[in-house]
Protein backbone atom coordinates (compact mmCIF):
# COMPACT_ATOMS: atom_id res chain seq x y z
CA MET A 1 0.00 0.00 0.00
CA LYS A 2 2.76 2.44 0.94
CA GLY A 3 4.55 1.55 -2.27
CA ARG A 4 1.47 2.49 -4.30
CA VAL A 5 1.19 5.80 -2.51
CA ARG A 6 4.82 6.57 -3.26
CA THR A 7 4.24 5.73 -6.90
CA VAL A 8 1.25 8.09 -7.08
CA VAL A 9 3.25 10.88 -5.43
CA VAL A 10 6.12 10.39 -7.86
CA LEU A 11 3.77 10.44 -10.83
CA VAL A 12 2.10 13.64 -9.59
CA CYS A 13 5.53 15.26 -9.24
CA VAL A 14 6.59 14.16 -12.72
CA PHE A 15 3.42 15.04 -14.63
CA VAL A 16 2.07 18.02 -12.67
CA VAL A 17 4.59 19.72 -10.42
CA LEU A 18 7.63 19.58 -12.69
CA PRO A 19 5.90 21.08 -15.76
CA VAL A 20 4.46 23.89 -13.65
CA VAL A 21 7.81 24.60 -12.03
CA GLY A 22 9.54 24.35 -15.38
CA GLY A 23 7.07 26.80 -16.92
CA LEU A 24 7.64 29.26 -14.08
CA VAL A 25 11.40 28.94 -14.41
CA TYR A 26 11.10 29.59 -18.16
CA SER A 27 8.84 32.62 -17.61
CA PHE A 28 11.25 34.12 -15.12
CA SER A 29 14.20 33.49 -17.44
CA VAL A 30 12.79 35.17 -20.59
CA SER A 31 15.15 38.02 -21.44
CA ALA A 32 14.13 41.53 -22.43
CA GLU A 33 15.60 40.90 -25.88
CA ALA A 34 13.51 37.75 -26.33
CA ALA A 35 10.36 39.58 -25.24
CA ALA A 36 11.10 42.48 -27.59
CA ARG A 37 11.74 40.08 -30.45
CA TYR A 38 8.46 38.26 -29.84
CA TYR A 39 6.68 41.61 -29.88
CA ALA A 40 8.43 42.69 -33.09
CA GLU A 41 7.66 39.36 -34.81
CA ALA A 42 3.98 39.67 -33.86
CA ILE A 43 3.82 43.11 -35.51
CA ALA A 44 5.74 42.04 -38.59
CA GLN A 45 3.50 39.01 -39.12
CA GLY A 46 0.32 41.01 -38.60
CA ARG A 47 -0.53 39.25 -35.33
CA PHE A 48 -1.66 42.52 -33.81
CA GLU A 49 -3.73 40.91 -31.05
CA ASP A 50 -0.60 39.16 -29.78
CA ALA A 51 1.36 42.42 -29.90
CA MET A 52 -1.39 44.28 -28.05
CA ALA A 53 -1.45 41.55 -25.40
CA VAL A 54 2.23 42.30 -24.70
CA GLU A 55 1.30 45.97 -24.27
CA SER A 56 -1.70 45.32 -22.03
CA ALA A 57 -1.76 45.55 -18.25
CA ASP A 58 -2.78 41.89 -18.02
CA ASP A 59 -3.42 38.98 -20.37
CA ASP A 60 -6.42 40.73 -21.93
CA ALA A 61 -5.47 42.87 -24.93
CA ASP A 62 -8.64 44.91 -24.40
CA ALA A 63 -7.07 46.25 -21.22
CA ASP A 64 -4.51 48.21 -23.23
CA SER A 65 -4.43 51.83 -22.15
CA GLY A 66 -3.58 53.17 -25.60
CA VAL A 67 -1.03 55.60 -24.20
CA GLY A 68 -0.17 58.11 -26.91
CA ARG A 69 -3.24 57.25 -28.97
CA GLY A 70 -5.69 59.80 -27.62
CA ALA A 71 -8.87 59.90 -29.72
CA ALA A 72 -7.21 58.38 -32.79
CA VAL A 73 -8.81 55.53 -34.71
CA ASP A 74 -7.04 52.37 -33.55
CA LEU A 75 -5.63 50.52 -36.58
CA ARG A 76 -3.96 48.04 -34.25
CA ARG A 77 -7.33 46.30 -34.38
CA GLY A 78 -7.09 46.16 -38.17
CA ARG A 79 -4.94 44.03 -40.44
CA VAL A 80 -2.06 44.45 -42.86
CA SER A 81 -2.28 43.41 -46.49
CA GLU A 82 1.08 41.66 -46.42
CA PRO A 83 3.54 40.62 -43.71
CA SER A 84 6.87 42.31 -43.14
CA SER A 85 9.96 40.92 -41.42
CA VAL A 86 12.18 41.64 -38.43
CA VAL A 87 15.68 42.78 -39.39
CA SER A 88 17.14 43.17 -35.91
CA VAL A 89 16.37 43.75 -32.23
CA ARG A 90 18.84 45.67 -30.07
CA VAL A 91 18.46 46.03 -26.30
CA TYR A 92 20.09 49.06 -24.68
CA ASP A 93 22.84 48.49 -22.13
CA GLU A 94 21.35 50.82 -19.52
CA ARG A 95 17.82 51.48 -18.28
CA ASP A 96 16.28 54.92 -18.62
CA VAL A 97 15.67 57.28 -15.68
CA ARG A 98 12.31 55.59 -15.03
CA GLY A 99 13.91 52.18 -14.80
CA ARG A 100 12.52 50.99 -18.12
CA GLN A 101 14.40 48.73 -20.49
CA GLY A 102 14.78 50.34 -23.91
CA ALA A 103 15.12 48.47 -27.18
CA SER A 104 15.31 49.30 -30.88
CA ILE A 105 13.52 47.12 -33.41
CA ASP A 106 14.14 47.25 -37.16
CA LEU A 107 11.38 46.05 -39.47
CA SER A 108 11.62 45.55 -43.22
CA VAL A 109 8.37 46.94 -44.68
CA ASN A 110 7.88 47.05 -48.43
CA GLY A 111 11.64 47.07 -49.00
CA ARG A 112 12.32 49.83 -46.46
CA THR A 113 13.88 49.43 -43.04
CA ILE A 114 11.72 51.06 -40.38
CA THR A 115 13.14 51.61 -36.89
CA ARG A 116 10.95 51.86 -33.81
CA GLU A 117 12.12 52.47 -30.25
CA ILE A 118 10.18 50.63 -27.57
CA TYR A 119 10.38 50.40 -23.78
CA LEU A 120 9.64 47.45 -21.53
CA GLU A 121 9.18 47.07 -17.80
CA ARG A 122 9.02 44.15 -15.41
CA VAL A 123 5.61 42.93 -14.24
CA GLY A 124 4.58 40.87 -11.23
CA VAL A 125 2.92 37.97 -13.03
CA PRO A 126 4.69 36.06 -15.81
CA ARG A 127 2.90 35.68 -19.13
CA PRO A 128 3.33 33.37 -22.13
CA HIS A 129 6.13 34.16 -24.58
CA VAL A 130 7.35 37.31 -22.79
CA GLY A 131 7.71 36.12 -19.20
CA MET A 132 7.96 38.98 -16.72
CA TRP A 133 8.04 41.74 -19.36
CA ARG A 134 5.47 44.19 -20.67
CA VAL A 135 5.84 46.80 -23.44
CA VAL A 136 4.89 50.18 -21.99
CA SER A 137 5.90 52.32 -24.97
CA GLY A 138 5.19 50.49 -28.19
CA ALA A 139 5.80 50.60 -31.93
CA ALA A 140 2.48 52.19 -32.90
CA HIS A 141 2.48 55.86 -33.86
CA VAL A 142 -0.13 58.50 -34.63
CA GLU A 143 -0.53 59.44 -38.29
CA THR A 144 -3.07 61.58 -40.12
CA VAL A 145 -5.18 60.22 -42.98
CA ARG A 146 -7.06 62.93 -44.85
CA ALA A 147 -9.69 62.04 -47.43
CA TYR A 148 -11.91 63.79 -49.94
CA GLY A 149 -14.47 62.82 -52.52
CA TYR A 150 -17.51 60.64 -53.04
CA ALA A 151 -17.81 57.45 -50.96
CA SER A 152 -20.30 55.92 -48.56
CA ASP A 153 -17.37 54.47 -46.61
CA VAL A 154 -13.58 54.43 -46.62
CA SER A 155 -11.67 51.88 -44.56
CA VAL A 156 -7.99 51.25 -43.90
CA GLY A 157 -6.90 47.81 -42.80
CA GLY A 158 -10.55 46.84 -42.38
CA VAL A 159 -11.22 49.72 -39.96
CA SER A 160 -13.80 52.28 -41.12
CA LEU A 161 -12.86 55.96 -41.31
CA GLY A 162 -16.41 56.95 -42.29
CA ALA A 163 -18.07 58.40 -45.38
CA LEU A 164 -16.90 61.09 -47.79
CA GLY A 165 -19.71 63.48 -48.54
CA ALA A 166 -23.41 62.88 -48.03
CA SER A 167 -26.70 62.66 -49.88
CA GLY A 168 -29.25 65.44 -50.18
CA ASP A 169 -29.26 69.10 -49.27
CA GLY A 170 -27.52 68.48 -45.96
CA GLY A 171 -24.46 67.13 -47.78
CA ALA A 172 -23.84 70.18 -49.95
CA THR A 173 -20.43 71.75 -49.45
CA PHE A 174 -21.44 75.01 -51.11
CA PRO A 175 -24.64 77.08 -50.72
CA VAL A 176 -27.24 75.44 -52.96
CA ALA A 177 -30.66 77.08 -52.72
CA ALA A 178 -32.33 74.50 -55.00
CA SER A 179 -33.12 70.94 -53.91
CA THR A 180 -30.46 68.26 -54.40
CA ASP A 181 -32.52 65.50 -52.83
CA GLY A 182 -31.19 62.09 -53.90
CA LEU A 183 -27.84 63.43 -55.08
CA TRP A 184 -24.54 62.59 -53.38
CA HIS A 185 -22.22 65.54 -52.76
CA ALA A 186 -18.44 65.26 -52.39
CA GLY A 187 -17.03 65.97 -48.96
CA SER A 188 -14.03 65.69 -46.68
CA GLY A 189 -13.28 62.97 -44.17
CA GLY A 190 -10.51 60.77 -42.83
CA ALA A 191 -9.13 60.51 -39.31
CA VAL A 192 -6.09 60.54 -37.11
CA VAL A 193 -5.02 56.90 -36.80
CA TYR A 194 -2.85 54.96 -34.36
CA ALA A 195 -1.04 52.23 -36.24
CA TYR A 196 1.84 49.78 -36.26
CA PRO A 197 4.28 49.98 -39.21
CA GLY A 198 2.92 48.07 -42.19
CA ILE A 199 1.07 48.05 -45.50
CA TYR A 200 -2.70 48.40 -45.08
CA ASP A 201 -5.43 47.79 -47.65
CA VAL A 202 -7.58 50.79 -48.54
CA SER A 203 -11.18 49.85 -49.29
CA VAL A 204 -13.65 52.34 -50.79
CA ALA A 205 -17.42 51.92 -51.08
CA LYS A 206 -17.93 54.06 -54.18
CA VAL A 207 -21.19 55.86 -54.85
CA SER A 208 -20.44 55.81 -58.58
CA GLU A 209 -18.31 53.92 -61.07
CA HIS A 210 -17.54 57.33 -62.57
CA THR A 211 -15.06 57.96 -59.77
CA GLN A 212 -11.41 57.04 -59.31
CA VAL A 213 -9.28 56.38 -56.23
CA ALA A 214 -5.85 57.80 -55.47
CA VAL A 215 -3.80 57.09 -52.35
CA ASP A 216 -0.97 59.48 -51.54
CA SER A 217 -1.27 60.93 -55.07
CA VAL A 218 -0.90 57.51 -56.73
CA SER A 219 -3.92 56.95 -58.98
CA GLY A 220 -5.41 53.47 -58.72
CA ALA A 221 -3.46 52.60 -55.56
CA SER A 222 -5.23 50.35 -53.08
CA THR A 223 -2.81 50.29 -50.15
CA LEU A 224 -1.51 52.79 -47.62
CA SER A 225 2.01 52.49 -46.18
CA VAL A 226 2.48 53.39 -42.52
CA LEU A 227 6.23 53.93 -42.42
CA SER A 228 7.42 57.28 -41.09
CA GLU A 229 6.25 58.78 -37.84
CA SER A 230 3.66 61.58 -38.06
CA ARG A 231 3.33 61.37 -41.82
CA GLU A 232 0.19 62.76 -43.45
CA HIS A 233 -1.67 60.60 -45.95
CA GLN A 234 -4.29 61.52 -48.53
CA ILE A 235 -7.07 59.37 -49.98
CA ASP A 236 -9.03 60.90 -52.86
CA VAL A 237 -12.18 59.47 -54.46
CA THR A 238 -12.83 61.95 -57.25
CA GLN A 239 -14.49 62.13 -60.65
CA ASP A 240 -12.72 60.04 -63.26
CA GLU A 241 -11.13 61.77 -66.22
CA SER A 242 -14.05 61.24 -68.58
CA THR A 243 -16.50 62.74 -66.07
CA ARG A 244 -14.24 65.73 -65.46
CA ALA A 245 -14.04 66.31 -69.23
CA TRP A 246 -17.83 65.95 -69.58
CA HIS A 247 -18.35 68.47 -66.76
CA GLU A 248 -16.05 71.02 -68.40
CA ASP A 249 -17.63 70.48 -71.83
CA GLN A 250 -21.27 70.74 -70.70
CA LEU A 251 -21.02 73.46 -68.07
CA GLY A 252 -21.22 76.38 -70.51
CA SER A 253 -24.50 75.30 -72.08
CA VAL A 254 -25.98 74.29 -68.70
CA ALA A 255 -25.08 77.64 -67.13
CA SER A 256 -26.50 79.53 -70.12
CA SER A 257 -29.79 77.61 -69.94
CA CYS A 258 -29.99 78.20 -66.19
CA VAL A 259 -29.65 81.98 -66.68
CA LEU A 260 -32.47 81.92 -69.27
CA GLY A 261 -34.67 79.96 -66.85
CA ASP A 262 -34.63 76.76 -68.88
CA VAL A 263 -33.09 74.19 -66.55
CA PRO A 264 -31.72 71.19 -68.48
CA GLU A 265 -32.97 67.76 -67.46
CA GLY A 266 -30.83 66.28 -64.68
CA ALA A 267 -29.12 69.58 -63.85
CA VAL A 268 -29.60 71.68 -60.72
CA CYS A 269 -29.59 75.48 -60.97
CA SER A 270 -29.44 77.63 -57.85
CA ASN A 271 -30.11 81.39 -58.02
CA MET A 272 -28.99 81.42 -61.66
CA SER A 273 -32.04 82.85 -63.46
CA VAL A 274 -31.80 86.47 -64.67
CA ALA A 275 -35.14 88.09 -65.40
CA GLY A 276 -35.41 89.50 -68.90
CA ALA A 277 -32.21 87.92 -70.17
CA GLU A 278 -32.26 87.26 -73.91
CA ARG A 279 -28.66 86.25 -74.52
CA VAL A 280 -25.92 84.77 -72.35
CA ASP A 281 -22.17 84.68 -72.78
CA VAL A 282 -20.25 82.07 -70.77
CA GLU A 283 -16.47 81.96 -70.77
CA ALA A 284 -14.48 78.72 -70.68
CA PRO A 285 -14.53 77.18 -67.20
CA THR A 286 -11.53 77.22 -64.89
CA ARG A 287 -10.85 74.68 -62.18
CA ASP A 288 -10.51 76.48 -58.87
CA SER A 289 -9.50 73.50 -56.74
CA GLY A 290 -10.26 69.83 -56.94
CA ASP A 291 -13.70 69.28 -58.45
CA LEU A 292 -14.96 72.91 -58.35
CA LEU A 293 -15.36 74.73 -61.67
CA GLU A 294 -15.88 78.45 -62.08
CA VAL A 295 -17.31 80.24 -65.12
CA ALA A 296 -17.75 83.93 -65.86
CA VAL A 297 -21.34 84.62 -66.96
CA ALA A 298 -22.78 87.72 -68.61
CA ALA A 299 -26.49 88.21 -69.40
CA TYR A 300 -27.84 90.66 -72.00
CA ARG A 301 -31.15 92.17 -73.04
CA ASN A 302 -31.23 94.08 -76.33
CA ASP A 303 -27.43 93.73 -76.38
CA GLU A 304 -27.21 95.64 -73.12
CA GLY A 305 -25.54 93.93 -70.20
CA ILE A 306 -27.94 93.40 -67.29
CA ALA A 307 -25.98 90.96 -65.11
CA ALA A 308 -22.45 89.65 -64.76
CA PHE A 309 -21.21 87.16 -62.18
CA THR A 310 -19.03 84.11 -61.59
CA ALA A 311 -20.92 80.83 -61.27
CA HIS A 312 -19.63 77.83 -59.34
CA SER A 313 -20.29 74.24 -60.33
CA ARG A 314 -19.75 70.76 -58.99
CA VAL A 315 -20.83 67.27 -60.01
CA CYS A 316 -23.12 65.17 -57.81
CA PHE A 317 -24.12 61.54 -58.34
CA ASP A 318 -27.61 60.06 -58.16
CA GLU A 319 -28.56 56.75 -56.57
CA GLU A 320 -27.65 54.90 -59.77
CA GLY A 321 -24.23 56.55 -59.78
CA GLU A 322 -24.93 58.80 -62.76
CA PRO A 323 -23.40 62.32 -62.74
CA HIS A 324 -25.45 65.53 -62.52
CA ILE A 325 -24.20 69.09 -62.89
CA VAL A 326 -25.02 71.48 -60.07
CA VAL A 327 -24.38 75.15 -60.83
CA ILE A 328 -24.94 78.06 -58.44
CA ARG A 329 -24.69 81.82 -58.38
CA PRO A 330 -23.01 82.54 -55.01
């Protein structure tokens, strides 16, 4: 009987106690360099949840304080379009004045080497992969993504940044007195984002196939590169070239008809009619900025000038995505 008890005790020690003790010994022995490397590999491979877990106050990544993020949109909860790789991890010889262990990690992203400085501190409870370490100043940085154009939604890395523009009179970005119900106006959007280094997919829910996408001035691009700290990015969803040409070509005749009180089908005229006008001269349009066109208009009665002004015009899209010219007299 005593022999059986000894056997049971030995088996418990072998299969239960020793693994637990061994795991604890391993957790306590994980170096700062190993913890930093695990963190860097998680970012490079797009395992952002694992990286955030190393930053969190406990084992729950949702407990992350987001220090340095403020009100920025958190792209750490998004995903990269392609993995990068870790070039090197260097741990500093001395701790900083707050007792934190500094380290420098180099990542190869899209052929460029990106360096991030991180800081780690010891914690009271060991955790998988990183032992007694926690990242308290991480590799994510704040960057600005500005956007303009026509889109019901723009997302980066699967995280929505919201719409560009809006439908109806409330979405107009210039003073339209006439109704634009059912028409989508261009507008500004974007957000300040908090992101790890990487290449992120840009997804656009277009309101019309007559629009084109440009990311950081590259037409047709579909990814955004988060590389340098505090860089500003630009996403544009604007009229395609054929629609821009159509707008420029048709604006003169539309503006002239609006002044004479004969609004063309599909167009919107706001405060354009000139009472008593018999003839209208419209100069070639000029592009003020982006999608806004300006035209000089002069109205005559009996060859005598009775009105002269500069009209502004933009394109809006209907629910089927077809373009409509909106022209106003400011």
